[in-house]
Amino acid sequence: MVSLELSRPNKVGFKQAYFFYFNFLVPILGYLASGVKGPYSYLPASLKNFPHQKEISNIFKDVGLTGVTYYEITGGIVTVHVGTVPDK
């Protein structure tokens, strides 16, 4: 099982800069480019409620996947979660 998700960066400084960009600039730029407000405000709001990388890793383990790990990409903006379905 492989899952690619938007995630929340952890590095101090980068995290604050990213959230400023993602929460404030993306909705403004998206609205200016498209004239549509909803989609560009929805994405930052949905990420706030999305489980952290470690929580998703625990969910993978809880459902029985083995070899569970994750890889943060682009400073933690994106995370690849990996787990193996065990043989029956």
N, C-alpha and C. Protein backbone atom coordinates (compact mmCIF):
# COMPACT_ATOMS: atom_id res chain seq x y z
N MET A 1 0.85 -1.16 0.00
CA MET A 1 0.00 0.00 0.00
C MET A 1 0.90 1.22 0.00
N VAL A 2 0.64 2.13 -0.91
CA VAL A 2 1.38 3.38 -0.96
C VAL A 2 0.36 4.51 -1.03
N SER A 3 0.58 5.52 -0.21
CA SER A 3 -0.33 6.66 -0.16
C SER A 3 0.49 7.94 -0.21
N LEU A 4 0.15 8.83 -1.11
CA LEU A 4 0.81 10.12 -1.24
C LEU A 4 -0.15 11.18 -0.73
N GLU A 5 0.26 11.93 0.28
CA GLU A 5 -0.63 12.90 0.92
C GLU A 5 0.07 14.23 1.13
N LEU A 6 -0.71 15.30 1.10
CA LEU A 6 -0.21 16.58 1.60
C LEU A 6 -0.03 16.41 3.10
N SER A 7 0.96 17.07 3.66
CA SER A 7 1.20 16.93 5.10
C SER A 7 1.69 18.25 5.67
N ARG A 8 1.94 18.22 6.96
CA ARG A 8 2.38 19.42 7.67
C ARG A 8 3.88 19.33 7.96
N PRO A 9 4.65 20.28 7.44
CA PRO A 9 6.09 20.27 7.71
C PRO A 9 6.37 20.48 9.20
N ASN A 10 7.53 19.99 9.65
CA ASN A 10 7.89 20.07 11.06
C ASN A 10 9.02 21.04 11.37
N LYS A 11 9.82 21.40 10.38
CA LYS A 11 11.00 22.22 10.63
C LYS A 11 10.63 23.65 10.97
N VAL A 12 11.13 24.12 12.12
CA VAL A 12 10.86 25.48 12.58
C VAL A 12 11.38 26.47 11.54
N GLY A 13 10.64 27.48 11.28
CA GLY A 13 10.98 28.47 10.27
C GLY A 13 10.35 28.11 8.94
N PHE A 14 10.69 26.95 8.41
CA PHE A 14 10.10 26.50 7.15
C PHE A 14 8.60 26.27 7.34
N LYS A 15 8.22 25.67 8.47
CA LYS A 15 6.82 25.39 8.75
C LYS A 15 6.01 26.70 8.76
N GLN A 16 6.50 27.72 9.42
CA GLN A 16 5.78 28.98 9.51
C GLN A 16 5.68 29.66 8.14
N ALA A 17 6.77 29.64 7.38
CA ALA A 17 6.74 30.23 6.04
C ALA A 17 5.77 29.49 5.13
N TYR A 18 5.79 28.16 5.21
CA TYR A 18 4.88 27.35 4.39
C TYR A 18 3.42 27.63 4.73
N PHE A 19 3.10 27.67 6.02
CA PHE A 19 1.71 27.90 6.39
C PHE A 19 1.24 29.30 6.04
N PHE A 20 2.13 30.28 6.10
CA PHE A 20 1.76 31.62 5.64
C PHE A 20 1.41 31.56 4.16
N TYR A 21 2.26 30.94 3.36
CA TYR A 21 2.03 30.80 1.93
C TYR A 21 0.75 30.01 1.66
N PHE A 22 0.62 28.85 2.29
CA PHE A 22 -0.49 27.94 2.01
C PHE A 22 -1.84 28.49 2.49
N ASN A 23 -1.84 29.11 3.67
CA ASN A 23 -3.10 29.58 4.25
C ASN A 23 -3.54 30.95 3.75
N PHE A 24 -2.59 31.79 3.34
CA PHE A 24 -2.95 33.15 2.95
C PHE A 24 -2.71 33.44 1.47
N LEU A 25 -1.54 33.10 0.98
CA LEU A 25 -1.23 33.45 -0.40
C LEU A 25 -1.90 32.56 -1.43
N VAL A 26 -1.96 31.25 -1.18
CA VAL A 26 -2.60 30.34 -2.14
C VAL A 26 -4.06 30.72 -2.39
N PRO A 27 -4.88 30.97 -1.34
CA PRO A 27 -6.26 31.37 -1.61
C PRO A 27 -6.37 32.68 -2.39
N ILE A 28 -5.51 33.64 -2.08
CA ILE A 28 -5.56 34.92 -2.80
C ILE A 28 -5.14 34.74 -4.25
N LEU A 29 -4.02 34.06 -4.47
CA LEU A 29 -3.55 33.85 -5.85
C LEU A 29 -4.53 32.98 -6.65
N GLY A 30 -5.09 31.97 -6.01
CA GLY A 30 -6.07 31.13 -6.68
C GLY A 30 -7.31 31.91 -7.09
N TYR A 31 -7.76 32.77 -6.20
CA TYR A 31 -8.94 33.60 -6.50
C TYR A 31 -8.63 34.58 -7.64
N LEU A 32 -7.45 35.21 -7.58
CA LEU A 32 -7.09 36.16 -8.63
C LEU A 32 -6.95 35.47 -9.98
N ALA A 33 -6.44 34.25 -10.00
CA ALA A 33 -6.24 33.53 -11.26
C ALA A 33 -7.53 32.96 -11.82
N SER A 34 -8.45 32.54 -10.94
CA SER A 34 -9.63 31.83 -11.42
C SER A 34 -10.95 32.57 -11.20
N GLY A 35 -10.95 33.49 -10.26
CA GLY A 35 -12.19 34.17 -9.91
C GLY A 35 -13.09 33.31 -9.03
N VAL A 36 -12.58 32.15 -8.60
CA VAL A 36 -13.34 31.22 -7.76
C VAL A 36 -12.65 31.15 -6.41
N LYS A 37 -13.40 31.36 -5.34
CA LYS A 37 -12.80 31.40 -4.01
C LYS A 37 -12.77 30.04 -3.31
N GLY A 38 -13.79 29.24 -3.42
CA GLY A 38 -13.95 28.02 -2.65
C GLY A 38 -12.80 27.03 -2.66
N PRO A 39 -12.39 26.52 -3.83
CA PRO A 39 -11.38 25.45 -3.84
C PRO A 39 -10.05 25.86 -3.21
N TYR A 40 -9.67 27.09 -3.35
CA TYR A 40 -8.37 27.52 -2.85
C TYR A 40 -8.40 27.84 -1.36
N SER A 41 -9.57 27.96 -0.79
CA SER A 41 -9.70 28.12 0.66
C SER A 41 -9.94 26.76 1.32
N TYR A 42 -10.58 25.85 0.59
CA TYR A 42 -10.90 24.53 1.11
C TYR A 42 -9.64 23.71 1.42
N LEU A 43 -8.67 23.73 0.53
CA LEU A 43 -7.49 22.88 0.69
C LEU A 43 -6.72 23.21 1.98
N PRO A 44 -6.37 24.47 2.26
CA PRO A 44 -5.69 24.75 3.52
C PRO A 44 -6.53 24.38 4.75
N ALA A 45 -7.83 24.60 4.67
CA ALA A 45 -8.70 24.26 5.80
C ALA A 45 -8.75 22.75 6.02
N SER A 46 -8.76 21.97 4.94
CA SER A 46 -8.84 20.52 5.10
C SER A 46 -7.54 19.95 5.66
N LEU A 47 -6.41 20.56 5.34
CA LEU A 47 -5.13 20.06 5.84
C LEU A 47 -5.03 20.23 7.36
N LYS A 48 -5.68 21.26 7.89
CA LYS A 48 -5.65 21.49 9.34
C LYS A 48 -6.27 20.32 10.10
N ASN A 49 -7.27 19.67 9.51
CA ASN A 49 -7.96 18.56 10.16
C ASN A 49 -7.42 17.19 9.77
N PHE A 50 -6.49 17.16 8.84
CA PHE A 50 -5.95 15.89 8.35
C PHE A 50 -4.94 15.36 9.36
N PRO A 51 -4.90 14.04 9.60
CA PRO A 51 -3.96 13.49 10.57
C PRO A 51 -2.50 13.75 10.20
N HIS A 52 -1.68 13.93 11.22
CA HIS A 52 -0.24 14.11 11.04
C HIS A 52 0.36 12.82 10.48
N GLN A 53 1.53 12.92 9.90
CA GLN A 53 2.22 11.79 9.29
C GLN A 53 2.33 10.60 10.26
N LYS A 54 2.68 10.89 11.52
CA LYS A 54 2.84 9.82 12.51
C LYS A 54 1.50 9.13 12.79
N GLU A 55 0.41 9.91 12.79
CA GLU A 55 -0.92 9.33 13.03
C GLU A 55 -1.32 8.40 11.88
N ILE A 56 -1.04 8.80 10.65
CA ILE A 56 -1.37 7.94 9.51
C ILE A 56 -0.55 6.66 9.58
N SER A 57 0.71 6.77 9.97
CA SER A 57 1.55 5.59 10.15
C SER A 57 0.93 4.64 11.17
N ASN A 58 0.42 5.18 12.26
CA ASN A 58 -0.23 4.35 13.28
C ASN A 58 -1.52 3.72 12.76
N ILE A 59 -2.26 4.44 11.94
CA ILE A 59 -3.48 3.89 11.33
C ILE A 59 -3.13 2.70 10.45
N PHE A 60 -2.07 2.85 9.64
CA PHE A 60 -1.62 1.74 8.80
C PHE A 60 -1.32 0.51 9.66
N LYS A 61 -0.62 0.71 10.77
CA LYS A 61 -0.28 -0.40 11.66
C LYS A 61 -1.53 -0.99 12.30
N ASP A 62 -2.46 -0.13 12.70
CA ASP A 62 -3.69 -0.59 13.37
C ASP A 62 -4.55 -1.47 12.46
N VAL A 63 -4.51 -1.23 11.15
CA VAL A 63 -5.31 -2.04 10.23
C VAL A 63 -4.57 -3.30 9.78
N GLY A 64 -3.35 -3.50 10.32
CA GLY A 64 -2.64 -4.75 10.07
C GLY A 64 -1.54 -4.72 9.03
N LEU A 65 -1.23 -3.55 8.49
CA LEU A 65 -0.13 -3.48 7.53
C LEU A 65 1.20 -3.69 8.25
N THR A 66 2.16 -4.26 7.55
CA THR A 66 3.48 -4.50 8.13
C THR A 66 4.52 -3.65 7.40
N GLY A 67 5.69 -3.51 8.01
CA GLY A 67 6.75 -2.73 7.39
C GLY A 67 6.36 -1.29 7.14
N VAL A 68 5.53 -0.76 8.01
CA VAL A 68 4.99 0.59 7.81
C VAL A 68 6.09 1.63 8.02
N THR A 69 6.17 2.54 7.07
CA THR A 69 7.10 3.66 7.17
C THR A 69 6.55 4.82 6.37
N TYR A 70 7.18 5.97 6.53
CA TYR A 70 6.79 7.10 5.70
C TYR A 70 8.01 7.94 5.38
N TYR A 71 7.91 8.67 4.26
CA TYR A 71 9.00 9.50 3.76
C TYR A 71 8.45 10.90 3.53
N GLU A 72 9.01 11.86 4.22
CA GLU A 72 8.61 13.25 4.01
C GLU A 72 9.39 13.80 2.83
N ILE A 73 8.69 14.42 1.91
CA ILE A 73 9.28 14.98 0.70
C ILE A 73 9.06 16.49 0.71
N THR A 74 9.92 17.20 0.04
CA THR A 74 9.85 18.67 -0.06
C THR A 74 9.68 19.32 1.31
N GLY A 75 10.53 18.91 2.23
CA GLY A 75 10.52 19.51 3.56
C GLY A 75 9.35 19.11 4.42
N GLY A 76 8.62 18.09 4.02
CA GLY A 76 7.47 17.64 4.79
C GLY A 76 6.13 18.16 4.28
N ILE A 77 6.14 18.84 3.14
CA ILE A 77 4.90 19.32 2.54
C ILE A 77 4.09 18.14 2.00
N VAL A 78 4.80 17.13 1.54
CA VAL A 78 4.19 15.92 1.00
C VAL A 78 4.82 14.72 1.71
N THR A 79 4.00 13.71 1.99
CA THR A 79 4.51 12.50 2.63
C THR A 79 4.03 11.28 1.87
N VAL A 80 4.96 10.34 1.66
CA VAL A 80 4.63 9.05 1.06
C VAL A 80 4.59 8.04 2.20
N HIS A 81 3.44 7.41 2.38
CA HIS A 81 3.26 6.37 3.40
C HIS A 81 3.30 5.01 2.71
N VAL A 82 4.00 4.05 3.33
CA VAL A 82 4.17 2.74 2.73
C VAL A 82 3.88 1.67 3.78
N GLY A 83 3.16 0.65 3.38
CA GLY A 83 2.90 -0.50 4.23
C GLY A 83 2.62 -1.70 3.36
N THR A 84 2.86 -2.88 3.90
CA THR A 84 2.65 -4.12 3.15
C THR A 84 1.49 -4.90 3.75
N VAL A 85 0.61 -5.38 2.87
CA VAL A 85 -0.48 -6.24 3.29
C VAL A 85 0.12 -7.62 3.55
N PRO A 86 -0.04 -8.15 4.77
CA PRO A 86 0.57 -9.45 5.07
C PRO A 86 -0.11 -10.58 4.32
N ASP A 87 0.65 -11.65 4.04
CA ASP A 87 0.08 -12.84 3.43
C ASP A 87 -0.91 -13.46 4.39
N LYS A 88 -1.95 -14.07 3.83
CA LYS A 88 -2.97 -14.70 4.70
C LYS A 88 -2.64 -16.14 4.95
